[in-house]
């Protein structure tokens, strides 16, 4: 199973790398617009997002709009001691973030309020390498988000933002893998039937 996941990850990352910076920027803008119209997002008050790295969907535009709309934006920071994600409320993307592990912009713990309980989060935007139309998600292999979501006692809306080239036929799943409900690409909004 692992080798199949590794093959998918390698192939999709290569496809994503081939997209021109202009195409990625245009696709990211289209995805952001779709995300902002999603009813699950519109109804949420506290939103968990992420800051992109490499050739991922450029989430900064979306994150800025979340703040502009007066919602509470929560972003993750890798805790190297626990190998988990700690969540922080962010109000200013310029002054409260710094480049952390793997070149990802993360909340500066001293400048942000740490989120008290995970149950405040009503909408989660998840990163990933590849996605299948049934909601299966293939991340980067560290399991950070699966562990985080497993800690939640409630079920927020789980949404993935991805370029159309990241959609695959199927992804092998393990018991700890958590599926998304929505996949937003530059071309379509995919509703994944609940399991």
N, C-alpha and C. Protein backbone atom coordinates (compact mmCIF):
# COMPACT_ATOMS: atom_id res chain seq x y z
N UNK A 1 0.84 -1.20 0.00
CA UNK A 1 0.00 0.00 0.00
C UNK A 1 0.87 1.26 0.00
N UNK A 2 1.95 1.20 0.80
CA UNK A 2 2.82 2.37 0.90
C UNK A 2 3.45 2.71 -0.45
N UNK A 3 3.89 1.68 -1.18
CA UNK A 3 4.55 1.97 -2.45
C UNK A 3 3.57 2.58 -3.45
N UNK A 4 2.31 2.16 -3.41
CA UNK A 4 1.32 2.75 -4.30
C UNK A 4 1.10 4.23 -3.95
N UNK A 5 1.04 4.50 -2.64
CA UNK A 5 0.89 5.89 -2.19
C UNK A 5 2.11 6.72 -2.62
N UNK A 6 3.29 6.12 -2.47
CA UNK A 6 4.52 6.84 -2.84
C UNK A 6 4.54 7.14 -4.34
N UNK A 7 4.06 6.19 -5.14
CA UNK A 7 4.02 6.37 -6.60
C UNK A 7 3.06 7.49 -6.97
N UNK A 8 1.87 7.47 -6.36
CA UNK A 8 0.88 8.53 -6.63
C UNK A 8 1.46 9.88 -6.22
N UNK A 9 2.05 9.92 -5.03
CA UNK A 9 2.61 11.18 -4.52
C UNK A 9 3.67 11.73 -5.49
N UNK A 10 4.58 10.86 -5.93
CA UNK A 10 5.65 11.27 -6.85
C UNK A 10 5.08 11.78 -8.17
N UNK A 11 4.12 11.06 -8.74
CA UNK A 11 3.54 11.44 -10.03
C UNK A 11 2.79 12.76 -9.96
N UNK A 12 1.98 12.92 -8.91
CA UNK A 12 1.17 14.14 -8.79
C UNK A 12 2.04 15.36 -8.49
N UNK A 13 3.06 15.18 -7.64
CA UNK A 13 3.96 16.30 -7.38
C UNK A 13 4.66 16.73 -8.66
N UNK A 14 5.04 15.77 -9.51
CA UNK A 14 5.69 16.08 -10.78
C UNK A 14 4.72 16.86 -11.69
N UNK A 15 3.46 16.42 -11.74
CA UNK A 15 2.46 17.12 -12.56
C UNK A 15 2.26 18.55 -12.06
N UNK A 16 2.21 18.70 -10.73
CA UNK A 16 1.99 20.02 -10.15
C UNK A 16 3.17 20.95 -10.45
N UNK A 17 4.37 20.39 -10.41
CA UNK A 17 5.58 21.17 -10.72
C UNK A 17 5.56 21.69 -12.15
N UNK A 18 4.91 20.96 -13.04
CA UNK A 18 4.89 21.34 -14.46
C UNK A 18 3.95 22.51 -14.75
N UNK A 19 3.05 22.82 -13.83
CA UNK A 19 2.17 23.96 -14.03
C UNK A 19 3.00 25.24 -13.95
N UNK A 20 2.77 26.15 -14.87
CA UNK A 20 3.52 27.41 -14.85
C UNK A 20 3.08 28.25 -13.66
N UNK A 21 3.97 29.14 -13.19
CA UNK A 21 3.57 30.03 -12.08
C UNK A 21 2.30 30.83 -12.41
N UNK A 22 2.17 31.26 -13.66
CA UNK A 22 0.97 32.01 -14.06
C UNK A 22 -0.28 31.14 -13.96
N UNK A 23 -0.18 29.90 -14.40
CA UNK A 23 -1.33 28.98 -14.33
C UNK A 23 -1.69 28.72 -12.88
N UNK A 24 -0.68 28.48 -12.03
CA UNK A 24 -0.95 28.23 -10.60
C UNK A 24 -1.62 29.43 -9.96
N UNK A 25 -1.18 30.63 -10.32
CA UNK A 25 -1.78 31.85 -9.75
C UNK A 25 -3.24 31.98 -10.19
N UNK A 26 -3.49 31.76 -11.48
CA UNK A 26 -4.85 31.87 -12.00
C UNK A 26 -5.75 30.79 -11.38
N UNK A 27 -5.25 29.57 -11.31
CA UNK A 27 -6.03 28.47 -10.73
C UNK A 27 -6.31 28.74 -9.25
N UNK A 28 -5.30 29.26 -8.53
CA UNK A 28 -5.47 29.55 -7.10
C UNK A 28 -6.55 30.61 -6.89
N UNK A 29 -6.57 31.62 -7.75
CA UNK A 29 -7.59 32.67 -7.64
C UNK A 29 -8.98 32.09 -7.87
N UNK A 30 -9.10 31.20 -8.85
CA UNK A 30 -10.39 30.57 -9.15
C UNK A 30 -10.84 29.68 -7.99
N UNK A 31 -9.89 28.94 -7.42
CA UNK A 31 -10.21 28.06 -6.28
C UNK A 31 -10.65 28.91 -5.08
N UNK A 32 -9.92 30.00 -4.81
CA UNK A 32 -10.28 30.88 -3.68
C UNK A 32 -11.71 31.38 -3.82
N UNK A 33 -12.06 31.81 -5.04
CA UNK A 33 -13.41 32.33 -5.28
C UNK A 33 -14.46 31.25 -5.01
N UNK A 34 -14.19 30.03 -5.44
CA UNK A 34 -15.12 28.91 -5.19
C UNK A 34 -15.24 28.61 -3.69
N UNK A 35 -14.10 28.63 -3.00
CA UNK A 35 -14.10 28.36 -1.55
C UNK A 35 -14.96 29.38 -0.81
N UNK A 36 -14.81 30.64 -1.19
CA UNK A 36 -15.52 31.72 -0.50
C UNK A 36 -17.03 31.66 -0.72
N UNK A 37 -17.45 30.98 -1.78
CA UNK A 37 -18.90 30.85 -2.06
C UNK A 37 -19.51 29.59 -1.43
N UNK A 38 -18.68 28.69 -0.96
CA UNK A 38 -19.18 27.42 -0.41
C UNK A 38 -20.05 27.69 0.82
N UNK A 39 -21.29 27.17 0.86
CA UNK A 39 -22.18 27.44 2.00
C UNK A 39 -21.56 27.06 3.35
N UNK A 40 -20.82 25.96 3.38
CA UNK A 40 -20.19 25.52 4.64
C UNK A 40 -19.19 26.56 5.14
N UNK A 41 -18.51 27.21 4.21
CA UNK A 41 -17.59 28.28 4.60
C UNK A 41 -18.38 29.51 5.05
N UNK A 42 -19.38 29.89 4.29
CA UNK A 42 -20.17 31.08 4.58
C UNK A 42 -20.76 31.01 6.00
N UNK A 43 -21.17 29.80 6.41
CA UNK A 43 -21.83 29.64 7.72
C UNK A 43 -20.84 29.54 8.88
N UNK A 44 -19.57 29.33 8.58
CA UNK A 44 -18.58 29.12 9.64
C UNK A 44 -18.10 30.44 10.21
N UNK A 45 -17.82 30.43 11.50
CA UNK A 45 -17.28 31.61 12.16
C UNK A 45 -15.77 31.43 12.39
N UNK A 46 -15.37 30.22 12.77
CA UNK A 46 -13.96 29.92 13.01
C UNK A 46 -13.48 28.93 11.95
N UNK A 47 -12.45 29.33 11.22
CA UNK A 47 -11.99 28.62 10.04
C UNK A 47 -10.53 28.22 10.22
N UNK A 48 -10.22 26.94 10.03
CA UNK A 48 -8.84 26.47 10.07
C UNK A 48 -8.32 26.40 8.64
N UNK A 49 -7.24 27.11 8.39
CA UNK A 49 -6.62 27.08 7.07
C UNK A 49 -5.18 26.62 7.18
N UNK A 50 -4.40 26.91 6.16
CA UNK A 50 -2.98 26.60 6.17
C UNK A 50 -2.29 27.56 5.21
N UNK A 51 -1.01 27.73 5.39
CA UNK A 51 -0.23 28.55 4.47
C UNK A 51 0.51 27.58 3.55
N UNK A 52 0.42 27.83 2.27
CA UNK A 52 0.98 26.90 1.29
C UNK A 52 2.50 26.97 1.22
N UNK A 53 3.07 25.95 0.60
CA UNK A 53 4.49 25.99 0.26
C UNK A 53 4.68 25.31 -1.09
N UNK A 54 5.80 25.61 -1.71
CA UNK A 54 6.09 24.99 -3.00
C UNK A 54 5.04 25.33 -4.04
N UNK A 55 4.59 24.31 -4.75
CA UNK A 55 3.67 24.52 -5.87
C UNK A 55 2.21 24.26 -5.49
N UNK A 56 1.90 24.30 -4.18
CA UNK A 56 0.53 24.09 -3.72
C UNK A 56 -0.39 25.24 -4.14
N UNK A 57 -1.69 24.99 -4.02
CA UNK A 57 -2.69 26.06 -4.11
C UNK A 57 -2.22 27.20 -3.22
N UNK A 58 -2.18 28.41 -3.77
CA UNK A 58 -1.70 29.57 -3.02
C UNK A 58 -2.81 30.05 -2.08
N UNK A 59 -2.70 29.69 -0.83
CA UNK A 59 -3.78 29.91 0.14
C UNK A 59 -3.79 31.31 0.75
N UNK A 60 -2.75 32.10 0.51
CA UNK A 60 -2.66 33.41 1.14
C UNK A 60 -3.80 34.35 0.78
N UNK A 61 -4.20 34.33 -0.48
CA UNK A 61 -5.31 35.18 -0.95
C UNK A 61 -6.60 34.82 -0.21
N UNK A 62 -6.85 33.52 -0.09
CA UNK A 62 -8.04 33.04 0.61
C UNK A 62 -7.98 33.43 2.09
N UNK A 63 -6.82 33.21 2.72
CA UNK A 63 -6.66 33.52 4.15
C UNK A 63 -6.90 35.01 4.41
N UNK A 64 -6.40 35.85 3.51
CA UNK A 64 -6.60 37.30 3.67
C UNK A 64 -8.09 37.64 3.57
N UNK A 65 -8.80 36.95 2.70
CA UNK A 65 -10.23 37.21 2.54
C UNK A 65 -11.03 36.73 3.77
N UNK A 66 -10.59 35.62 4.36
CA UNK A 66 -11.22 35.12 5.59
C UNK A 66 -11.18 36.22 6.65
N UNK A 67 -10.01 36.84 6.80
CA UNK A 67 -9.86 37.92 7.79
C UNK A 67 -10.68 39.14 7.40
N UNK A 68 -10.68 39.47 6.10
CA UNK A 68 -11.43 40.64 5.62
C UNK A 68 -12.92 40.49 5.88
N UNK A 69 -13.39 39.24 5.87
CA UNK A 69 -14.81 38.98 6.11
C UNK A 69 -15.16 38.91 7.59
N UNK A 70 -14.17 39.12 8.45
CA UNK A 70 -14.43 39.16 9.88
C UNK A 70 -14.53 37.81 10.56
N UNK A 71 -14.09 36.77 9.87
CA UNK A 71 -14.12 35.44 10.48
C UNK A 71 -12.84 35.25 11.30
N UNK A 72 -12.86 34.25 12.17
CA UNK A 72 -11.68 33.91 12.97
C UNK A 72 -10.84 32.94 12.17
N UNK A 73 -9.60 33.32 11.87
CA UNK A 73 -8.69 32.46 11.12
C UNK A 73 -7.75 31.76 12.09
N UNK A 74 -7.68 30.44 11.95
CA UNK A 74 -6.80 29.62 12.77
C UNK A 74 -5.80 28.96 11.82
N UNK A 75 -4.52 29.01 12.18
CA UNK A 75 -3.48 28.39 11.36
C UNK A 75 -2.63 27.45 12.21
N UNK A 76 -2.09 26.40 11.58
CA UNK A 76 -1.31 25.42 12.32
C UNK A 76 0.17 25.77 12.42
N UNK A 77 0.78 25.28 13.49
CA UNK A 77 2.23 25.38 13.68
C UNK A 77 2.70 23.99 14.10
N UNK A 78 3.74 23.50 13.45
CA UNK A 78 4.25 22.16 13.79
C UNK A 78 4.94 22.22 15.16
N UNK A 79 4.51 21.31 16.04
CA UNK A 79 5.16 21.17 17.35
C UNK A 79 6.14 20.01 17.23
N UNK A 80 7.43 20.33 17.23
CA UNK A 80 8.45 19.31 17.00
C UNK A 80 8.57 18.32 18.16
N UNK A 81 8.13 18.72 19.34
CA UNK A 81 8.22 17.84 20.51
C UNK A 81 7.14 16.77 20.50
N UNK A 82 5.95 17.14 20.01
CA UNK A 82 4.82 16.19 20.03
C UNK A 82 4.52 15.59 18.65
N UNK A 83 5.17 16.13 17.61
CA UNK A 83 4.89 15.73 16.22
C UNK A 83 3.40 15.93 15.89
N UNK A 84 2.85 16.98 16.44
CA UNK A 84 1.45 17.34 16.18
C UNK A 84 1.39 18.80 15.74
N UNK A 85 0.20 19.20 15.31
CA UNK A 85 -0.03 20.59 14.93
C UNK A 85 -0.67 21.33 16.10
N UNK A 86 -0.09 22.45 16.48
CA UNK A 86 -0.72 23.35 17.45
C UNK A 86 -1.42 24.43 16.64
N UNK A 87 -2.61 24.83 17.09
CA UNK A 87 -3.40 25.79 16.34
C UNK A 87 -3.42 27.15 17.02
N UNK A 88 -3.27 28.20 16.21
CA UNK A 88 -3.24 29.57 16.73
C UNK A 88 -4.20 30.46 15.95
N UNK A 89 -4.82 31.40 16.66
CA UNK A 89 -5.65 32.42 16.01
C UNK A 89 -4.70 33.45 15.39
N UNK A 90 -4.94 33.80 14.15
CA UNK A 90 -4.10 34.78 13.46
C UNK A 90 -4.98 35.92 12.98
N UNK A 91 -4.55 37.15 13.27
CA UNK A 91 -5.32 38.32 12.85
C UNK A 91 -4.58 39.15 11.81
N UNK A 92 -3.27 38.93 11.68
CA UNK A 92 -2.46 39.70 10.73
C UNK A 92 -1.44 38.76 10.08
N UNK A 93 -1.62 38.52 8.79
CA UNK A 93 -0.76 37.56 8.08
C UNK A 93 0.67 38.07 7.92
N UNK A 94 0.87 39.37 8.02
CA UNK A 94 2.22 39.91 7.86
C UNK A 94 3.02 39.84 9.16
N UNK A 95 2.42 40.33 10.25
CA UNK A 95 3.20 40.47 11.49
C UNK A 95 3.17 39.23 12.39
N UNK A 96 2.23 38.30 12.16
CA UNK A 96 2.10 37.17 13.08
C UNK A 96 2.60 35.84 12.51
N UNK A 97 3.18 35.87 11.31
CA UNK A 97 3.68 34.64 10.71
C UNK A 97 5.17 34.74 10.43
N UNK A 98 5.85 33.60 10.51
CA UNK A 98 7.28 33.52 10.16
C UNK A 98 7.52 32.19 9.47
N UNK A 99 8.54 32.13 8.66
CA UNK A 99 8.85 30.89 7.94
C UNK A 99 9.37 29.85 8.93
N UNK A 100 8.71 28.69 8.92
CA UNK A 100 9.08 27.62 9.83
C UNK A 100 9.61 26.41 9.07
N UNK A 101 9.30 25.25 9.59
CA UNK A 101 9.75 23.99 9.02
C UNK A 101 9.31 23.86 7.56
N UNK A 102 10.16 23.33 6.74
CA UNK A 102 9.87 23.09 5.31
C UNK A 102 9.53 24.37 4.56
N UNK A 103 9.90 25.53 5.11
CA UNK A 103 9.64 26.79 4.42
C UNK A 103 8.20 27.24 4.46
N UNK A 104 7.41 26.66 5.36
CA UNK A 104 5.99 27.02 5.47
C UNK A 104 5.84 28.16 6.47
N UNK A 105 5.06 29.17 6.10
CA UNK A 105 4.80 30.27 7.03
C UNK A 105 3.87 29.76 8.14
N UNK A 106 4.31 29.97 9.38
CA UNK A 106 3.57 29.48 10.55
C UNK A 106 3.33 30.62 11.54
N UNK A 107 2.31 30.46 12.39
CA UNK A 107 2.09 31.47 13.43
C UNK A 107 3.30 31.58 14.37
N UNK A 108 3.60 32.80 14.76
CA UNK A 108 4.64 33.03 15.77
C UNK A 108 3.94 32.89 17.12
N UNK A 109 4.29 31.86 17.88
CA UNK A 109 3.58 31.52 19.11
C UNK A 109 3.45 32.71 20.06
N UNK A 110 4.49 33.53 20.15
CA UNK A 110 4.48 34.65 21.10
C UNK A 110 3.56 35.79 20.65
N UNK A 111 3.18 35.79 19.38
CA UNK A 111 2.36 36.90 18.86
C UNK A 111 0.91 36.49 18.60
N UNK A 112 0.59 35.24 18.84
CA UNK A 112 -0.76 34.75 18.55
C UNK A 112 -1.37 34.08 19.78
N UNK A 113 -2.68 34.03 19.77
CA UNK A 113 -3.39 33.33 20.84
C UNK A 113 -3.57 31.88 20.42
N UNK A 114 -3.14 30.97 21.30
CA UNK A 114 -3.31 29.56 20.99
C UNK A 114 -4.78 29.18 21.14
N UNK A 115 -5.27 28.38 20.22
CA UNK A 115 -6.68 27.99 20.26
C UNK A 115 -6.92 27.08 21.45
N UNK A 116 -7.92 27.42 22.26
CA UNK A 116 -8.21 26.64 23.46
C UNK A 116 -8.73 25.25 23.14
N UNK A 117 -9.85 25.18 22.44
CA UNK A 117 -10.44 23.87 22.14
C UNK A 117 -10.68 23.71 20.66
N UNK A 118 -10.47 22.51 20.17
CA UNK A 118 -10.66 22.23 18.75
C UNK A 118 -12.11 22.36 18.31
N UNK A 119 -13.03 22.27 19.27
CA UNK A 119 -14.46 22.29 18.91
C UNK A 119 -14.94 23.63 18.39
N UNK A 120 -14.10 24.66 18.52
CA UNK A 120 -14.46 25.97 17.97
C UNK A 120 -14.41 25.96 16.45
N UNK A 121 -13.57 25.09 15.89
CA UNK A 121 -13.36 25.06 14.44
C UNK A 121 -14.58 24.47 13.73
N UNK A 122 -15.12 25.25 12.78
CA UNK A 122 -16.32 24.80 12.05
C UNK A 122 -16.04 24.43 10.61
N UNK A 123 -14.89 24.88 10.10
CA UNK A 123 -14.53 24.67 8.70
C UNK A 123 -13.03 24.42 8.64
N UNK A 124 -12.62 23.36 7.95
CA UNK A 124 -11.20 23.02 7.85
C UNK A 124 -10.80 22.94 6.38
N UNK A 125 -9.82 23.74 6.01
CA UNK A 125 -9.24 23.65 4.67
C UNK A 125 -7.96 22.82 4.79
N UNK A 126 -7.94 21.68 4.08
CA UNK A 126 -6.83 20.73 4.21
C UNK A 126 -5.90 20.76 3.01
N UNK A 127 -4.60 20.72 3.27
CA UNK A 127 -3.66 20.58 2.17
C UNK A 127 -3.56 19.11 1.77
N UNK A 128 -2.90 18.85 0.69
CA UNK A 128 -2.68 17.46 0.28
C UNK A 128 -2.01 17.40 -1.08
N UNK A 129 -1.54 16.22 -1.42
CA UNK A 129 -0.87 16.01 -2.70
C UNK A 129 -1.87 15.55 -3.75
N UNK A 130 -2.71 14.58 -3.37
CA UNK A 130 -3.67 14.01 -4.33
C UNK A 130 -4.99 13.74 -3.63
N UNK A 131 -6.07 13.75 -4.43
CA UNK A 131 -7.40 13.53 -3.90
C UNK A 131 -8.20 12.68 -4.88
N UNK A 132 -9.07 11.84 -4.34
CA UNK A 132 -9.98 11.06 -5.18
C UNK A 132 -11.39 11.60 -4.97
N UNK A 133 -12.26 11.36 -5.94
CA UNK A 133 -13.61 11.92 -5.89
C UNK A 133 -14.45 11.37 -4.74
N UNK A 134 -14.00 10.29 -4.11
CA UNK A 134 -14.74 9.76 -2.95
C UNK A 134 -14.30 10.45 -1.66
N UNK A 135 -13.40 11.43 -1.78
CA UNK A 135 -12.95 12.17 -0.60
C UNK A 135 -11.64 11.69 -0.03
N UNK A 136 -11.08 10.62 -0.59
CA UNK A 136 -9.78 10.12 -0.10
C UNK A 136 -8.72 11.19 -0.35
N UNK A 137 -7.85 11.36 0.64
CA UNK A 137 -6.82 12.39 0.59
C UNK A 137 -5.45 11.75 0.81
N UNK A 138 -4.50 12.16 -0.01
CA UNK A 138 -3.12 11.72 0.17
C UNK A 138 -2.29 12.94 0.52
N UNK A 139 -1.76 12.96 1.74
CA UNK A 139 -0.95 14.08 2.18
C UNK A 139 0.51 13.87 1.85
N UNK A 140 1.36 14.50 2.63
CA UNK A 140 2.80 14.40 2.38
C UNK A 140 3.45 13.25 3.14
N UNK A 141 2.65 12.49 3.87
CA UNK A 141 3.17 11.28 4.51
C UNK A 141 3.52 11.40 5.98
N UNK A 142 3.30 12.57 6.58
CA UNK A 142 3.64 12.74 8.00
C UNK A 142 2.44 12.49 8.92
N UNK A 143 1.23 12.53 8.39
CA UNK A 143 0.04 12.23 9.19
C UNK A 143 -0.41 13.32 10.14
N UNK A 144 0.13 14.54 9.99
CA UNK A 144 -0.22 15.63 10.91
C UNK A 144 -1.73 15.90 10.96
N UNK A 145 -2.33 16.01 9.79
CA UNK A 145 -3.75 16.37 9.75
C UNK A 145 -4.66 15.23 10.19
N UNK A 146 -4.30 14.00 9.85
CA UNK A 146 -5.13 12.86 10.30
C UNK A 146 -5.13 12.80 11.83
N UNK A 147 -3.97 13.04 12.45
CA UNK A 147 -3.90 13.03 13.93
C UNK A 147 -4.71 14.19 14.51
N UNK A 148 -4.61 15.36 13.88
CA UNK A 148 -5.35 16.52 14.37
C UNK A 148 -6.86 16.28 14.28
N UNK A 149 -7.32 15.81 13.13
CA UNK A 149 -8.76 15.59 12.95
C UNK A 149 -9.28 14.49 13.88
N UNK A 150 -8.45 13.50 14.16
CA UNK A 150 -8.86 12.41 15.06
C UNK A 150 -9.11 12.93 16.48
N UNK A 151 -8.49 14.06 16.84
CA UNK A 151 -8.67 14.66 18.18
C UNK A 151 -9.99 15.41 18.29
N UNK A 152 -10.61 15.74 17.17
CA UNK A 152 -11.83 16.54 17.21
C UNK A 152 -13.03 15.68 17.57
N UNK A 153 -13.78 16.13 18.57
CA UNK A 153 -14.95 15.35 19.00
C UNK A 153 -16.18 15.70 18.18
N UNK A 154 -16.11 16.82 17.44
CA UNK A 154 -17.21 17.21 16.55
C UNK A 154 -16.74 17.06 15.12
N UNK A 155 -17.61 17.29 14.18
CA UNK A 155 -17.25 17.12 12.77
C UNK A 155 -17.39 18.44 12.01
N UNK A 156 -16.26 19.18 11.86
CA UNK A 156 -16.34 20.40 11.06
C UNK A 156 -16.43 20.04 9.58
N UNK A 157 -16.75 21.00 8.73
CA UNK A 157 -16.73 20.76 7.28
C UNK A 157 -15.27 20.56 6.88
N UNK A 158 -14.99 19.47 6.18
CA UNK A 158 -13.63 19.17 5.73
C UNK A 158 -13.54 19.39 4.23
N UNK A 159 -12.70 20.35 3.86
CA UNK A 159 -12.62 20.79 2.46
C UNK A 159 -11.17 20.79 2.01
N UNK A 160 -10.94 20.36 0.77
CA UNK A 160 -9.60 20.38 0.20
C UNK A 160 -9.58 21.31 -1.00
N UNK A 161 -8.49 22.04 -1.14
CA UNK A 161 -8.27 22.88 -2.32
C UNK A 161 -7.16 22.23 -3.12
N UNK A 162 -7.41 21.99 -4.40
CA UNK A 162 -6.42 21.30 -5.23
C UNK A 162 -6.58 21.70 -6.68
N UNK A 163 -5.49 21.62 -7.41
CA UNK A 163 -5.57 21.83 -8.86
C UNK A 163 -6.17 20.56 -9.48
N UNK A 164 -6.80 20.72 -10.63
CA UNK A 164 -7.46 19.57 -11.29
C UNK A 164 -6.47 18.42 -11.54
N UNK A 165 -5.20 18.73 -11.76
CA UNK A 165 -4.20 17.66 -12.02
C UNK A 165 -3.96 16.79 -10.78
N UNK A 166 -4.45 17.23 -9.61
CA UNK A 166 -4.24 16.47 -8.37
C UNK A 166 -5.37 15.47 -8.10
N UNK A 167 -6.37 15.43 -8.98
CA UNK A 167 -7.48 14.49 -8.81
C UNK A 167 -7.10 13.16 -9.47
N UNK A 168 -7.16 12.09 -8.69
CA UNK A 168 -6.81 10.76 -9.20
C UNK A 168 -8.00 9.81 -9.07
N UNK A 169 -7.90 8.67 -9.71
CA UNK A 169 -8.99 7.70 -9.73
C UNK A 169 -9.26 7.16 -8.32
N UNK A 170 -8.20 6.70 -7.66
CA UNK A 170 -8.39 6.23 -6.28
C UNK A 170 -7.09 6.28 -5.51
N UNK A 171 -7.24 6.32 -4.18
CA UNK A 171 -6.10 6.39 -3.27
C UNK A 171 -6.28 5.30 -2.22
N UNK A 172 -5.27 4.44 -2.02
CA UNK A 172 -5.39 3.42 -0.98
C UNK A 172 -5.59 4.08 0.38
N UNK A 173 -6.51 3.55 1.17
CA UNK A 173 -6.82 4.15 2.46
C UNK A 173 -6.45 3.23 3.62
N UNK A 174 -6.01 3.84 4.70
CA UNK A 174 -5.74 3.11 5.94
C UNK A 174 -6.80 3.53 6.95
N UNK A 175 -6.89 2.80 8.03
CA UNK A 175 -7.93 3.06 9.04
C UNK A 175 -7.83 4.47 9.61
N UNK A 176 -6.62 5.03 9.66
CA UNK A 176 -6.42 6.35 10.27
C UNK A 176 -6.66 7.49 9.27
N UNK A 177 -6.84 7.18 8.00
CA UNK A 177 -7.04 8.21 6.98
C UNK A 177 -8.45 8.79 7.09
N UNK A 178 -8.55 10.10 7.06
CA UNK A 178 -9.85 10.77 7.16
C UNK A 178 -10.16 11.43 5.82
N UNK A 179 -11.36 11.17 5.32
CA UNK A 179 -11.75 11.70 4.01
C UNK A 179 -12.30 13.12 4.13
N UNK A 180 -12.20 13.86 3.02
CA UNK A 180 -12.78 15.20 2.96
C UNK A 180 -14.19 15.11 2.38
N UNK A 181 -14.98 16.15 2.64
CA UNK A 181 -16.35 16.20 2.12
C UNK A 181 -16.43 16.95 0.79
N UNK A 182 -15.53 17.88 0.61
CA UNK A 182 -15.53 18.71 -0.59
C UNK A 182 -14.11 18.80 -1.14
N UNK A 183 -13.99 18.80 -2.46
CA UNK A 183 -12.72 19.10 -3.12
C UNK A 183 -13.01 20.26 -4.08
N UNK A 184 -12.27 21.33 -3.92
CA UNK A 184 -12.47 22.50 -4.77
C UNK A 184 -11.28 22.61 -5.72
N UNK A 185 -11.53 22.55 -7.03
CA UNK A 185 -10.48 22.77 -8.01
C UNK A 185 -10.80 24.04 -8.80
N UNK A 186 -9.91 24.39 -9.71
CA UNK A 186 -10.17 25.57 -10.54
C UNK A 186 -11.30 25.33 -11.52
N UNK A 187 -11.66 24.05 -11.72
CA UNK A 187 -12.69 23.70 -12.70
C UNK A 187 -14.04 23.35 -12.10
N UNK A 188 -14.02 22.82 -10.87
CA UNK A 188 -15.27 22.31 -10.31
C UNK A 188 -15.25 22.26 -8.78
N UNK A 189 -16.45 22.15 -8.23
CA UNK A 189 -16.65 21.92 -6.80
C UNK A 189 -17.18 20.50 -6.68
N UNK A 190 -16.38 19.62 -6.10
CA UNK A 190 -16.74 18.20 -6.03
C UNK A 190 -17.28 17.90 -4.64
N UNK A 191 -18.50 17.41 -4.58
CA UNK A 191 -19.07 16.95 -3.31
C UNK A 191 -18.79 15.46 -3.21
N UNK A 192 -18.06 15.08 -2.17
CA UNK A 192 -17.72 13.67 -1.95
C UNK A 192 -18.80 13.09 -1.04
N UNK A 193 -19.44 12.07 -1.48
CA UNK A 193 -20.51 11.49 -0.67
C UNK A 193 -19.95 11.05 0.67
N UNK A 194 -20.67 11.33 1.75
CA UNK A 194 -20.17 10.91 3.06
C UNK A 194 -20.05 9.39 3.15
N UNK A 195 -19.06 8.90 3.93
CA UNK A 195 -18.84 7.45 4.03
C UNK A 195 -20.01 6.74 4.67
